[in-house]
């Protein structure tokens, strides 16, 4: 085999080695099931970290969201008072 590194190791070298073992289909199915469980475990840990931080720092998050919404309202108010806003009202009415 060539020098296989990175993802090629899991998807090229190991399947080739597993195909040479006795009861190859069983070992191959177990190997790819293990990869699937590793992926699920990674996703569960990422969601756990996200939920933990969201739950424990919700007071900071609510303060930030309040500040952000006040800034958006302020920017919309300034945009409505800007030049050209009276022209659009005059054209309609």
Protein backbone atom coordinates (compact mmCIF):
# COMPACT_ATOMS: atom_id res chain seq x y z
CA UNK A 1 0.00 0.00 0.00
CA UNK A 2 1.07 3.56 -0.59
CA UNK A 3 1.62 5.97 2.27
CA UNK A 4 -1.96 6.58 3.32
CA UNK A 5 -2.62 9.40 5.78
CA UNK A 6 -5.65 11.27 7.08
CA UNK A 7 -9.12 10.20 5.99
CA UNK A 8 -7.61 7.80 3.49
CA UNK A 9 -6.49 5.66 6.40
CA UNK A 10 -10.06 5.09 7.54
CA UNK A 11 -11.65 4.80 4.10
CA UNK A 12 -8.90 3.13 2.05
CA UNK A 13 -6.35 1.26 4.16
CA UNK A 14 -8.59 -0.21 6.88
CA UNK A 15 -11.32 -1.47 4.52
CA UNK A 16 -8.65 -3.11 2.38
CA UNK A 17 -7.14 -4.78 5.46
CA UNK A 18 -10.57 -5.83 6.72
CA UNK A 19 -11.40 -7.42 3.37
CA UNK A 20 -8.45 -9.79 3.86
CA UNK A 21 -9.63 -11.01 7.27
CA UNK A 22 -11.83 -14.05 7.84
CA UNK A 23 -15.51 -13.06 8.10
CA UNK A 24 -14.68 -9.81 6.31
CA UNK A 25 -18.29 -8.54 5.90
CA UNK A 26 -18.90 -8.73 9.64
CA UNK A 27 -15.66 -6.90 10.51
CA UNK A 28 -16.35 -4.29 7.85
CA UNK A 29 -19.87 -3.67 9.12
CA UNK A 30 -18.58 -3.37 12.69
CA UNK A 31 -15.82 -0.98 11.59
CA UNK A 32 -18.18 1.39 9.78
CA UNK A 33 -20.71 1.14 12.63
CA UNK A 34 -17.89 2.21 14.97
CA UNK A 35 -17.15 5.22 12.70
CA UNK A 36 -20.84 6.11 12.75
CA UNK A 37 -20.93 5.97 16.56
CA UNK A 38 -17.82 8.15 16.77
CA UNK A 39 -19.52 10.75 14.58
CA UNK A 40 -22.70 10.67 16.66
CA UNK A 41 -20.64 11.01 19.85
CA UNK A 42 -18.90 14.08 18.47
CA UNK A 43 -22.22 15.70 17.57
CA UNK A 44 -23.70 14.93 21.00
CA UNK A 45 -20.73 16.49 22.78
CA UNK A 46 -20.92 19.62 20.59
CA UNK A 47 -24.64 20.06 21.31
CA UNK A 48 -24.05 19.42 25.02
CA UNK A 49 -21.44 22.19 25.20
CA UNK A 50 -23.73 24.57 23.32
CA UNK A 51 -26.70 23.83 25.58
CA UNK A 52 -24.59 24.07 28.75
CA UNK A 53 -23.28 27.50 27.83
CA UNK A 54 -26.67 28.71 26.68
CA UNK A 55 -28.26 27.59 29.96
CA UNK A 56 -25.56 28.89 32.30
CA UNK A 57 -24.95 32.17 30.53
CA UNK A 58 -28.54 32.95 29.59
CA UNK A 59 -28.48 36.15 31.65
CA UNK A 60 -25.60 37.46 29.54
CA UNK A 61 -27.32 36.29 26.40
CA UNK A 62 -30.55 38.08 27.33
CA UNK A 63 -28.62 41.27 28.12
CA UNK A 64 -26.86 41.08 24.77
CA UNK A 65 -30.09 40.41 22.89
CA UNK A 66 -31.76 43.35 24.66
CA UNK A 67 -28.86 45.62 23.72
CA UNK A 68 -28.89 44.35 20.14
CA UNK A 69 -32.64 44.88 19.74
CA UNK A 70 -32.37 48.42 21.13
CA UNK A 71 -29.59 49.17 18.62
CA UNK A 72 -31.70 47.83 15.73
CA UNK A 73 -34.68 49.96 16.80
CA UNK A 74 -32.43 52.99 17.15
CA UNK A 75 -30.95 52.43 13.67
CA UNK A 76 -34.43 52.04 12.15
CA UNK A 77 -35.57 55.24 13.84
CA UNK A 78 -32.55 57.11 12.52
CA UNK A 79 -33.18 55.74 9.03
CA UNK A 80 -36.76 56.99 9.11
CA UNK A 81 -35.60 60.48 10.13
CA UNK A 82 -32.91 60.60 7.45
CA UNK A 83 -32.93 62.71 4.29
CA UNK A 84 -35.43 61.64 1.68
CA UNK A 85 -37.92 60.20 4.14
CA UNK A 86 -40.21 63.24 3.80
CA UNK A 87 -40.17 62.94 0.00
CA UNK A 88 -41.65 59.46 0.13
CA UNK A 89 -44.43 60.66 2.46
CA UNK A 90 -45.18 63.64 0.19
CA UNK A 91 -45.45 61.44 -2.88
CA UNK A 92 -48.02 59.18 -1.22
CA UNK A 93 -50.15 61.79 0.48
